[in-house]
C-alpha cells in the first residue's frame, strides 16, 4: 500500500525533517513508500525504513537504509547522517501500529488470522496458496506474527487485495486481542493448542484462553475454523458469535480428514470430505501432521469461494518456509531433515514421527535441543521427547545443551542399557550429549555415514541451523 511522507506524518502525529535538517519541501512530503521494512539489510528500494529499538538501535542503520533506496525513515530522532526525509515520532513501534490501522481501514480485503501453538506458519502459507488460486491474496512473510510483523504485513498489502492472511503469535495474555484490534479479522483459524510459551501463559488452559482471544474478535458474519481433534481448541468455541466449522479426523468434524498416507519423501496425502465436495489432497509440505493444517487451509479457501479443484492443485504446489521440514541430501549420501526453525512439544513429536517414516539404508539420527518457554513443564516435556525418540525407533540421539539432559533421561528411562555421554551403543538407542550447536556440528561430521538420515530440531535460539550447514557443506544450509 502506498504511503506518502505527508500521510505518515499526519497519521502518526509526527513531523517531517528534510536531509538538510529543515522542515522539508513539497518534494520531500510527496515521496511515496511502497512497503515498510525494519531491517536495512533486506530493505527493498522504495520501502520506508522503521528505526526500532531491539537488540540493536535501528537509528544506527538509517544511513544504510537510505543507501539501499529507502523512500523515507520513521524515527524518534534524526541521526547524524540521514540522506533522505525522516518522519520524527514519539515512539516508532506505536507509530507503525497507527499506520497499520490506517492501512487496514483502506483495505476492502477479507482478513484471515491464523493462531495456535504449532502449525501457524504452515497453515498461513497453505491458506495463502489456496486462496491465491481464486483471488488476489497477500500474506505475511516468514513468521511476521507480532506487534511489528503484523503491521508491516498490513502496510505491505496491495490496496486491491481481496484476501490478506495473517499469522498471530502470543507470549502473554492480551497479545492476540491487541493484534486483532489492529487487523480486524473476519475469519479465524486456531490450529492446535499445545505448550508453546507455557512459561508465560500458564499451561494448556491458559494458552487456550489466550489463543481464544481471536474468537472474541470475530464478527457475526465471520467464521471460526477449529481443530476437531483438539479438545482445548473446541472448548473455546463458545467465545465467538461467528459460525464455527470444525476440521479433523473425528467422525463429528464438519470437514473430515481420512485415508492419510505419507510417501517416501514424507509428503502427506489425505481425503477431504467437506460441504463443498470431496477430493484427495496431496501436500508439497512434509509430515503427516501437515494434513490437518492443509485441511484447515482448504476450508478457508473453499468458504471464500475458491473451487475445490483449484484448491487441490494449489496445495500440491505450496512450498514450506525455510527450515521447516525441509529435506536435502549431502554430497556424501546423508539425508538431512531440517526442522530447525523452532520447536514445541507437539512439533518435536511430529518431527520424530516423520524421521521414523523416512526410508533409510543407514541409521536414523535425531539432533534435538531445547524447547524454550515451557516453564515448569519443561523438564517433563523434554523427557517425553526422549521417550518418543525411543518409541519411534530412533537409532542415535544427539542432545544439545542443558535441556538435553532431560531428553536423554526420557530415552534412558525406557532403555536401561543406553549410556549417555560417551556415545556407547546401548540396547536400543545410542545417546550423545553436547554443550551447544557448534559441538553438535563437530560431533555429527565425525558420526554420520552414507545412508544415514538426520533430523535437526530445537527452538530458534539454539541455532541448530549450524548443524545443517555443516552436514550439507554449505553456507546457507538451503534445502527443498
Protein backbone atom coordinates (compact mmCIF):
# COMPACT_ATOMS: atom_id res chain seq x y z
CA UNK A 1 0.00 0.00 0.00
CA UNK A 2 1.38 3.39 -0.96
CA UNK A 3 2.07 5.81 1.92
CA UNK A 4 3.46 9.29 1.36
CA UNK A 5 5.71 11.10 3.80
CA UNK A 6 2.90 13.61 4.29
CA UNK A 7 0.40 10.84 5.11
CA UNK A 8 2.82 9.19 7.51
CA UNK A 9 3.31 12.44 9.41
CA UNK A 10 -0.42 13.17 9.59
CA UNK A 11 -1.38 9.66 10.72
CA UNK A 12 1.31 9.38 13.38
CA UNK A 13 1.33 12.98 14.57
CA UNK A 14 4.99 13.20 13.58
CA UNK A 15 6.83 15.92 11.72
CA UNK A 16 8.95 15.91 8.60
CA UNK A 17 12.66 16.64 8.75
CA UNK A 18 14.50 17.03 5.44
CA UNK A 19 18.06 15.77 4.82
CA UNK A 20 19.37 19.29 5.47
CA UNK A 21 17.67 19.38 8.87
CA UNK A 22 14.94 21.75 7.75
CA UNK A 23 11.17 21.20 7.59
CA UNK A 24 11.32 19.83 4.05
CA UNK A 25 9.55 20.89 0.90
CA UNK A 26 6.69 19.51 -1.14
CA UNK A 27 9.01 17.13 -2.95
CA UNK A 28 10.06 15.59 0.36
CA UNK A 29 6.47 15.37 1.62
CA UNK A 30 5.31 13.72 -1.61
CA UNK A 31 7.78 10.84 -1.56
CA UNK A 32 5.96 7.52 -1.57
CA UNK A 33 6.78 4.30 0.27
CA UNK A 34 5.57 1.06 -1.25
CA UNK A 35 6.02 -1.10 1.81
CA UNK A 36 7.84 -0.93 5.12
CA UNK A 37 10.97 -2.59 6.50
CA UNK A 38 12.64 -2.68 9.90
CA UNK A 39 15.82 -4.37 8.65
CA UNK A 40 18.09 -2.30 6.43
CA UNK A 41 19.79 -5.46 5.15
CA UNK A 42 16.62 -6.73 3.49
CA UNK A 43 15.05 -3.39 2.60
CA UNK A 44 13.75 -3.21 -0.96
CA UNK A 45 14.24 0.12 -2.78
CA UNK A 46 11.12 2.23 -2.35
CA UNK A 47 10.23 0.90 1.10
CA UNK A 48 10.15 3.06 4.22
CA UNK A 49 12.60 2.17 6.98
CA UNK A 50 11.34 1.95 10.57
CA UNK A 51 14.05 2.56 13.19
CA UNK A 52 13.12 0.21 16.04
CA UNK A 53 14.78 -0.42 19.38
CA UNK A 54 15.60 -4.11 19.62
CA UNK A 55 18.88 -5.89 20.24
CA UNK A 56 20.33 -3.06 18.18
CA UNK A 57 19.14 0.51 17.71
CA UNK A 58 17.63 0.95 14.27
CA UNK A 59 18.67 4.59 14.26
CA UNK A 60 22.23 3.39 13.72
CA UNK A 61 21.17 1.96 10.34
CA UNK A 62 19.16 4.83 8.88
CA UNK A 63 22.06 5.89 6.65
CA UNK A 64 22.41 2.31 5.41
CA UNK A 65 18.67 2.18 4.68
CA UNK A 66 18.83 5.34 2.58
CA UNK A 67 21.88 3.93 0.82
CA UNK A 68 19.76 0.92 -0.14
CA UNK A 69 16.97 3.08 -1.55
CA UNK A 70 14.61 3.81 1.36
CA UNK A 71 11.81 6.25 0.46
CA UNK A 72 11.86 7.76 3.95
CA UNK A 73 12.61 6.79 7.53
CA UNK A 74 10.32 6.64 10.56
CA UNK A 75 12.48 7.70 13.51
CA UNK A 76 12.39 9.00 17.06
CA UNK A 77 15.39 11.23 16.48
CA UNK A 78 17.17 12.33 13.34
CA UNK A 79 20.52 10.57 13.07
CA UNK A 80 23.69 12.44 12.16
CA UNK A 81 23.56 11.06 8.63
CA UNK A 82 20.15 10.98 7.00
CA UNK A 83 20.26 11.16 3.23
CA UNK A 84 16.50 11.32 2.86
CA UNK A 85 13.38 12.65 4.56
CA UNK A 86 12.59 11.46 8.09
CA UNK A 87 9.26 11.43 9.91
CA UNK A 88 10.05 12.04 13.57
CA UNK A 89 7.58 10.45 16.02
CA UNK A 90 7.40 9.87 19.74
CA UNK A 91 7.78 6.09 19.55
CA UNK A 92 8.34 4.16 16.33
CA UNK A 93 6.53 0.94 17.29
CA UNK A 94 3.40 2.90 18.22
CA UNK A 95 3.66 4.91 15.01
CA UNK A 96 3.99 1.73 12.95
CA UNK A 97 0.81 0.37 14.53
CA UNK A 98 -1.04 3.63 13.83
CA UNK A 99 -0.01 3.41 10.18
CA UNK A 100 -1.18 -0.21 10.05
CA UNK A 101 -4.59 0.72 11.44
CA UNK A 102 -4.93 3.33 8.72
CA UNK A 103 -3.88 0.79 6.09
CA UNK A 104 -6.43 -1.72 7.39
CA UNK A 105 -9.17 0.90 7.13
CA UNK A 106 -8.35 1.34 3.44
CA UNK A 107 -8.35 -2.38 2.69
CA UNK A 108 -11.51 -3.99 1.36
CA UNK A 109 -9.98 -7.46 1.70
CA UNK A 110 -11.20 -10.35 3.81
CA UNK A 111 -8.66 -10.70 6.59
CA UNK A 112 -7.86 -14.23 7.75
CA UNK A 113 -5.96 -14.69 11.02
CA UNK A 114 -4.19 -17.91 11.99
CA UNK A 115 -3.02 -18.70 15.51
CA UNK A 116 -2.18 -21.78 17.58
CA UNK A 117 0.69 -23.40 19.43
CA UNK A 118 2.09 -25.09 16.34
CA UNK A 119 1.44 -25.07 12.62
CA UNK A 120 0.69 -21.34 12.37
CA UNK A 121 3.17 -20.51 9.64
CA UNK A 122 2.47 -23.66 7.62
CA UNK A 123 -1.28 -23.16 7.80
CA UNK A 124 -0.91 -19.47 6.92
CA UNK A 125 1.22 -20.33 3.90
CA UNK A 126 -1.13 -23.10 2.79
CA UNK A 127 -4.19 -20.87 3.16
CA UNK A 128 -2.50 -18.11 1.17
CA UNK A 129 -1.62 -20.56 -1.61
CA UNK A 130 -5.15 -21.96 -1.75
CA UNK A 131 -6.74 -18.50 -1.75
CA UNK A 132 -4.37 -17.25 -4.44
CA UNK A 133 -5.84 -19.88 -6.76
CA UNK A 134 -9.05 -17.87 -6.86
CA UNK A 135 -8.39 -14.30 -5.74
CA UNK A 136 -5.74 -11.63 -5.22
CA UNK A 137 -4.06 -12.64 -1.96
CA UNK A 138 -1.42 -11.15 0.31
CA UNK A 139 0.16 -12.95 3.28
CA UNK A 140 2.70 -12.27 5.98
CA UNK A 141 6.33 -13.06 5.25
CA UNK A 142 8.04 -15.80 7.27
CA UNK A 143 6.69 -15.65 10.84
CA UNK A 144 5.71 -11.96 10.95
CA UNK A 145 3.25 -12.59 13.76
CA UNK A 146 3.78 -9.92 16.44
CA UNK A 147 3.20 -6.22 17.03
CA UNK A 148 5.92 -5.43 14.48
CA UNK A 149 5.47 -8.08 11.80
CA UNK A 150 1.69 -7.91 11.59
CA UNK A 151 1.56 -4.12 10.99
CA UNK A 152 4.27 -4.45 8.35
CA UNK A 153 2.19 -7.14 6.63
CA UNK A 154 -0.87 -4.90 6.53
CA UNK A 155 1.18 -1.98 5.21
CA UNK A 156 2.71 -4.19 2.52
CA UNK A 157 -0.70 -5.40 1.30
CA UNK A 158 -1.78 -4.09 -2.12
CA UNK A 159 -4.83 -1.87 -1.84
CA UNK A 160 -6.71 -4.11 -4.29
CA UNK A 161 -6.01 -7.33 -2.37
CA UNK A 162 -9.11 -9.48 -1.95
CA UNK A 163 -7.71 -11.59 0.88
CA UNK A 164 -4.99 -10.96 3.46
CA UNK A 165 -3.71 -13.89 5.53
CA UNK A 166 -2.05 -13.01 8.84
CA UNK A 167 -0.26 -15.06 11.46
CA UNK A 168 -0.81 -14.14 15.11
CA UNK A 169 1.55 -15.19 17.88
CA UNK A 170 1.32 -14.64 21.62
CA UNK A 171 3.75 -14.78 24.52
CA UNK A 172 1.46 -13.06 27.02
CA UNK A 173 -2.26 -12.69 27.67
CA UNK A 174 -3.75 -9.89 25.61
CA UNK A 175 -1.30 -10.19 22.72
CA UNK A 176 -3.85 -11.72 20.33
CA UNK A 177 -6.50 -9.16 21.30
CA UNK A 178 -4.07 -6.35 20.52
CA UNK A 179 -3.27 -7.82 17.11
CA UNK A 180 -6.97 -8.31 16.34
CA UNK A 181 -7.64 -4.68 17.24
CA UNK A 182 -5.18 -3.70 14.52
CA UNK A 183 -6.20 -6.27 11.90
CA UNK A 184 -9.99 -6.71 12.36
CA UNK A 185 -10.05 -10.30 11.04
CA UNK A 186 -13.30 -11.85 9.87
CA UNK A 187 -12.02 -15.43 9.61
CA UNK A 188 -10.05 -17.00 12.45
CA UNK A 189 -8.19 -20.31 12.46
CA UNK A 190 -6.85 -22.00 15.61
CA UNK A 191 -4.54 -24.80 14.53
CA UNK A 192 -3.76 -26.59 17.78
CA UNK A 193 -3.31 -25.89 21.48
CA UNK A 194 -0.03 -27.20 22.89
CA UNK A 195 2.53 -25.98 25.40
CA UNK A 196 4.45 -23.38 23.38
CA UNK A 197 5.03 -20.30 25.61
CA UNK A 198 3.53 -22.12 28.61
CA UNK A 199 6.07 -20.32 30.80
CA UNK A 200 4.16 -17.06 30.28
CA UNK A 201 0.65 -18.29 29.54
CA UNK A 202 0.06 -20.86 32.27
CA UNK A 203 -0.36 -24.35 30.84
CA UNK A 204 -2.71 -25.55 28.11
CA UNK A 205 -5.75 -23.96 29.73
CA UNK A 206 -4.09 -20.56 29.84
CA UNK A 207 -2.76 -20.96 26.31
CA UNK A 208 -6.22 -21.88 25.04
CA UNK A 209 -7.71 -18.80 26.67
CA UNK A 210 -5.13 -16.56 25.03
CA UNK A 211 -5.49 -18.16 21.59
CA UNK A 212 -9.26 -17.83 22.08
CA UNK A 213 -8.87 -14.06 22.06
CA UNK A 214 -9.03 -14.45 18.28
CA UNK A 215 -12.54 -15.88 18.60
CA UNK A 216 -13.62 -12.93 20.74
CA UNK A 217 -12.75 -10.58 17.88
CA UNK A 218 -14.63 -12.30 15.04
CA UNK A 219 -17.83 -10.67 13.75
CA UNK A 220 -21.15 -12.48 13.50
CA UNK A 221 -20.78 -12.62 9.71
CA UNK A 222 -17.30 -14.11 10.02
CA UNK A 223 -16.11 -17.69 10.53
CA UNK A 224 -14.14 -19.62 13.13
CA UNK A 225 -12.24 -22.73 11.99
CA UNK A 226 -11.24 -25.04 14.84
CA UNK A 227 -9.31 -28.30 15.12
CA UNK A 228 -11.87 -31.00 15.90
CA UNK A 229 -9.09 -33.24 17.24
CA UNK A 230 -8.02 -30.68 19.87
CA UNK A 231 -10.31 -30.53 22.89
CA UNK A 232 -8.67 -27.35 24.17
CA UNK A 233 -9.48 -25.55 20.92
CA UNK A 234 -13.07 -26.79 20.90
CA UNK A 235 -13.51 -25.63 24.49
CA UNK A 236 -13.15 -22.04 23.29
CA UNK A 237 -15.91 -22.15 20.66
CA UNK A 238 -18.45 -20.51 22.97
CA UNK A 239 -16.44 -17.29 22.80
CA UNK A 240 -17.39 -16.40 19.25
CA UNK A 241 -20.59 -15.06 17.74
CA UNK A 242 -19.37 -16.26 14.34
CA UNK A 243 -20.33 -19.62 12.85
CA UNK A 244 -17.87 -22.42 13.66
CA UNK A 245 -16.54 -25.08 11.31
CA UNK A 246 -14.56 -27.95 12.82
CA UNK A 247 -11.84 -29.77 10.88
CA UNK A 248 -10.33 -33.08 11.93
CA UNK A 249 -10.19 -36.85 11.81
CA UNK A 250 -13.10 -37.40 14.19
CA UNK A 251 -16.49 -38.51 12.91
CA UNK A 252 -18.13 -35.37 14.28
CA UNK A 253 -15.91 -32.96 12.30
CA UNK A 254 -17.68 -30.71 9.80
CA UNK A 255 -14.72 -31.12 7.43
CA UNK A 256 -13.18 -34.56 7.80
CA UNK A 257 -9.69 -35.84 7.06
CA UNK A 258 -9.23 -39.53 6.32
CA UNK A 259 -7.17 -42.06 4.41
CA UNK A 260 -3.91 -40.41 5.43
CA UNK A 261 -0.81 -41.68 3.61
CA UNK A 262 2.79 -40.44 3.62
CA UNK A 263 5.11 -41.12 0.68
CA UNK A 264 8.84 -41.85 0.76
CA UNK A 265 9.62 -38.11 0.65
CA UNK A 266 7.29 -37.52 3.63
CA UNK A 267 4.62 -35.73 1.57
CA UNK A 268 1.19 -36.48 3.09
CA UNK A 269 -1.96 -37.12 1.12
CA UNK A 270 -5.47 -37.46 2.51
CA UNK A 271 -9.13 -37.49 1.59
CA UNK A 272 -11.01 -34.29 2.39
CA UNK A 273 -14.78 -34.51 2.82
CA UNK A 274 -16.43 -31.12 3.13
CA UNK A 275 -19.68 -29.25 2.49
CA UNK A 276 -18.07 -28.08 -0.78
CA UNK A 277 -17.27 -31.57 -2.02
CA UNK A 278 -14.72 -34.33 -1.58
CA UNK A 279 -11.25 -34.76 -3.02
CA UNK A 280 -7.91 -36.36 -2.37
CA UNK A 281 -5.30 -33.76 -1.49
CA UNK A 282 -1.54 -34.16 -1.67
CA UNK A 283 0.68 -31.60 0.05
CA UNK A 284 4.11 -30.46 -1.04
CA UNK A 285 4.88 -29.87 2.65
CA UNK A 286 6.31 -32.74 4.67
CA UNK A 287 5.00 -34.64 7.66
CA UNK A 288 1.74 -36.40 8.48
CA UNK A 289 0.90 -33.58 10.89
CA UNK A 290 0.56 -31.21 7.93
CA UNK A 291 -2.66 -32.93 6.84
CA UNK A 292 -4.79 -31.06 9.38
CA UNK A 293 -3.02 -27.81 8.55
CA UNK A 294 -3.79 -28.40 4.88
CA UNK A 295 -7.42 -29.24 5.63
CA UNK A 296 -7.91 -26.07 7.67
CA UNK A 297 -6.27 -24.03 4.90
CA UNK A 298 -8.52 -25.66 2.31
CA UNK A 299 -11.56 -24.83 4.44
CA UNK A 300 -10.63 -21.13 4.42
CA UNK A 301 -10.37 -21.06 0.62
CA UNK A 302 -13.47 -23.15 -0.01
CA UNK A 303 -15.53 -20.95 2.32
CA UNK A 304 -14.45 -17.89 0.31
CA UNK A 305 -15.48 -19.47 -2.97
CA UNK A 306 -12.29 -20.90 -4.43
CA UNK A 307 -13.23 -24.02 -6.46
CA UNK A 308 -12.23 -27.35 -4.93
CA UNK A 309 -10.13 -28.45 -7.90
CA UNK A 310 -8.19 -25.18 -7.76
CA UNK A 311 -7.56 -25.65 -4.03
CA UNK A 312 -6.29 -29.19 -4.60
CA UNK A 313 -3.87 -28.02 -7.29
CA UNK A 314 -2.63 -25.10 -5.23
CA UNK A 315 -1.93 -27.16 -2.12
CA UNK A 316 0.02 -29.69 -4.18
CA UNK A 317 2.48 -26.93 -5.07
CA UNK A 318 2.59 -24.82 -1.89
CA UNK A 319 6.13 -24.74 -0.53
CA UNK A 320 7.27 -24.64 3.08
CA UNK A 321 9.04 -21.78 4.81
CA UNK A 322 12.78 -22.06 5.42
CA UNK A 323 13.95 -24.67 7.92
CA UNK A 324 10.55 -26.24 8.38
CA UNK A 325 10.59 -29.94 7.47
CA UNK A 326 12.89 -29.38 4.51
CA UNK A 327 14.69 -32.38 3.07
CA UNK A 328 18.14 -32.41 1.47
CA UNK A 329 20.90 -34.87 0.72
CA UNK A 330 24.53 -34.11 1.31
CA UNK A 331 27.24 -34.82 -1.26
CA UNK A 332 28.23 -37.73 0.98
CA UNK A 333 24.88 -39.52 0.89
CA UNK A 334 23.42 -38.28 4.18
CA UNK A 335 19.75 -37.27 4.23
CA UNK A 336 19.07 -34.15 6.32
CA UNK A 337 15.61 -33.28 7.61
CA UNK A 338 15.93 -29.62 8.57
CA UNK A 339 13.20 -28.56 11.01
CA UNK A 340 15.49 -26.25 12.94
CA UNK A 341 13.45 -23.05 12.78
CA UNK A 342 11.63 -23.59 16.08
CA UNK A 343 10.26 -26.25 18.39
CA UNK A 344 7.40 -27.09 20.71
CA UNK A 345 6.45 -30.47 22.21
CA UNK A 346 3.82 -31.23 19.57
CA UNK A 347 6.02 -30.17 16.68
CA UNK A 348 9.00 -32.09 18.07
CA UNK A 349 6.94 -35.27 18.37
CA UNK A 350 5.67 -34.84 14.81
CA UNK A 351 9.22 -34.38 13.52
CA UNK A 352 10.37 -37.58 15.24
CA UNK A 353 7.45 -39.43 13.67
CA UNK A 354 8.49 -38.08 10.27
CA UNK A 355 12.08 -39.23 10.79
CA UNK A 356 10.83 -42.68 11.76
CA UNK A 357 8.92 -42.95 8.47
CA UNK A 358 11.79 -41.76 6.31
CA UNK A 359 13.25 -44.66 4.28
CA UNK A 360 16.95 -45.13 5.08
CA UNK A 361 19.69 -47.65 4.43
CA UNK A 362 21.66 -46.45 7.45
CA UNK A 363 20.70 -45.05 10.84
CA UNK A 364 18.06 -42.57 11.91
CA UNK A 365 19.74 -39.82 13.94
CA UNK A 366 17.87 -37.09 15.84
CA UNK A 367 19.72 -33.92 16.87
CA UNK A 368 17.48 -32.25 19.43
CA UNK A 369 17.87 -29.13 21.53
CA UNK A 370 15.88 -27.10 23.99
CA UNK A 371 12.23 -26.19 23.54
CA UNK A 372 12.08 -22.73 25.09
CA UNK A 373 9.45 -21.09 27.33
CA UNK A 374 7.80 -24.24 28.67
CA UNK A 375 8.08 -23.07 32.27
CA UNK A 376 7.63 -25.66 34.99
CA UNK A 377 6.56 -28.23 32.39
CA UNK A 378 9.96 -28.02 30.68
CA UNK A 379 11.83 -30.97 32.25
CA UNK A 380 8.88 -33.35 31.91
CA UNK A 381 8.15 -32.30 28.32
CA UNK A 382 11.79 -32.72 27.31
CA UNK A 383 11.80 -36.16 28.94
CA UNK A 384 8.69 -37.08 26.96
CA UNK A 385 10.54 -36.17 23.77
CA UNK A 386 13.32 -38.56 24.73
CA UNK A 387 10.77 -41.29 25.36
CA UNK A 388 9.14 -40.51 21.99
CA UNK A 389 12.50 -40.84 20.23
CA UNK A 390 12.91 -44.26 21.80
CA UNK A 391 9.35 -45.30 20.92
CA UNK A 392 9.84 -44.24 17.30
CA UNK A 393 12.91 -46.45 17.00
CA UNK A 394 15.45 -43.66 16.53
CA UNK A 395 18.93 -45.19 16.42
CA UNK A 396 21.06 -42.28 17.60
CA UNK A 397 20.05 -39.35 19.79
CA UNK A 398 22.27 -36.25 19.95
CA UNK A 399 21.02 -33.89 22.66
CA UNK A 400 22.19 -30.30 22.81
CA UNK A 401 22.53 -28.02 25.84
CA UNK A 402 21.28 -28.28 29.40
CA UNK A 403 17.78 -29.35 28.36
CA UNK A 404 19.39 -32.26 26.56
CA UNK A 405 19.86 -33.97 29.91
CA UNK A 406 16.09 -34.27 30.30
CA UNK A 407 15.68 -35.53 26.72
CA UNK A 408 18.35 -38.15 27.34
CA UNK A 409 16.78 -39.13 30.65
CA UNK A 410 13.47 -39.75 28.92
CA UNK A 411 15.15 -42.10 26.46
CA UNK A 412 17.16 -43.86 29.15
CA UNK A 413 14.10 -44.48 31.33
CA UNK A 414 12.82 -46.78 28.62
CA UNK A 415 16.21 -48.31 27.81
CA UNK A 416 18.36 -49.02 30.84
CA UNK A 417 21.20 -50.31 28.67
CA UNK A 418 21.74 -46.95 26.96
CA UNK A 419 24.71 -44.97 28.29
CA UNK A 420 24.92 -41.21 27.98
CA UNK A 421 27.87 -39.01 27.22
CA UNK A 422 30.41 -41.42 25.76
CA UNK A 423 28.41 -42.41 22.72
CA UNK A 424 28.47 -46.08 23.56
CA UNK A 425 25.89 -48.30 21.94
CA UNK A 426 23.04 -49.14 24.26
CA UNK A 427 20.30 -51.70 23.98
CA UNK A 428 18.20 -49.73 21.50
CA UNK A 429 19.44 -46.16 21.34
CA UNK A 430 22.84 -44.51 21.24
CA UNK A 431 22.95 -41.19 23.09
CA UNK A 432 25.43 -38.34 22.80
CA UNK A 433 25.27 -35.10 24.75
CA UNK A 434 26.98 -31.89 23.61
CA UNK A 435 27.04 -28.38 25.01
CA UNK A 436 25.92 -26.36 22.01
CA UNK A 437 25.29 -26.22 18.27
CA UNK A 438 29.00 -25.99 17.47
CA UNK A 439 29.64 -29.15 19.47
CA UNK A 440 26.80 -30.92 17.69
CA UNK A 441 28.16 -29.91 14.29
CA UNK A 442 31.62 -31.21 15.15
CA UNK A 443 30.22 -34.48 16.50
CA UNK A 444 27.93 -35.07 13.53
CA UNK A 445 30.66 -34.53 10.97
CA UNK A 446 32.50 -37.48 12.50
CA UNK A 447 29.44 -39.55 13.39
CA UNK A 448 27.35 -39.70 10.23
CA UNK A 449 27.85 -42.16 7.40
CA UNK A 450 26.37 -42.56 3.92
CA UNK A 451 22.79 -43.81 4.15
CA UNK A 452 22.06 -42.11 7.48
CA UNK A 453 19.14 -39.70 7.93
CA UNK A 454 19.49 -36.81 10.39
CA UNK A 455 16.67 -34.76 11.91
CA UNK A 456 17.70 -31.36 13.30
CA UNK A 457 15.24 -29.56 15.59
CA UNK A 458 15.21 -27.12 18.51
CA UNK A 459 13.94 -23.69 19.43
CA UNK A 460 15.30 -20.98 17.18
CA UNK A 461 17.66 -19.53 19.78
CA UNK A 462 19.63 -22.79 19.97
CA UNK A 463 20.96 -22.14 16.47
CA UNK A 464 20.94 -25.70 15.16
CA UNK A 465 20.95 -24.47 11.57
CA UNK A 466 24.71 -24.57 12.09
CA UNK A 467 24.46 -28.35 12.21
CA UNK A 468 22.52 -28.38 8.93
CA UNK A 469 25.13 -26.22 7.24
CA UNK A 470 27.92 -28.48 8.47
CA UNK A 471 26.17 -31.61 7.24
CA UNK A 472 25.39 -30.16 3.82
CA UNK A 473 28.70 -28.39 3.44
CA UNK A 474 27.00 -25.08 2.62
CA UNK A 475 26.93 -21.55 3.98
CA UNK A 476 23.14 -21.43 3.97
CA UNK A 477 22.02 -24.99 4.55
CA UNK A 478 19.39 -24.38 1.86
CA UNK A 479 17.16 -27.36 1.23
CA UNK A 480 13.94 -28.05 -0.61
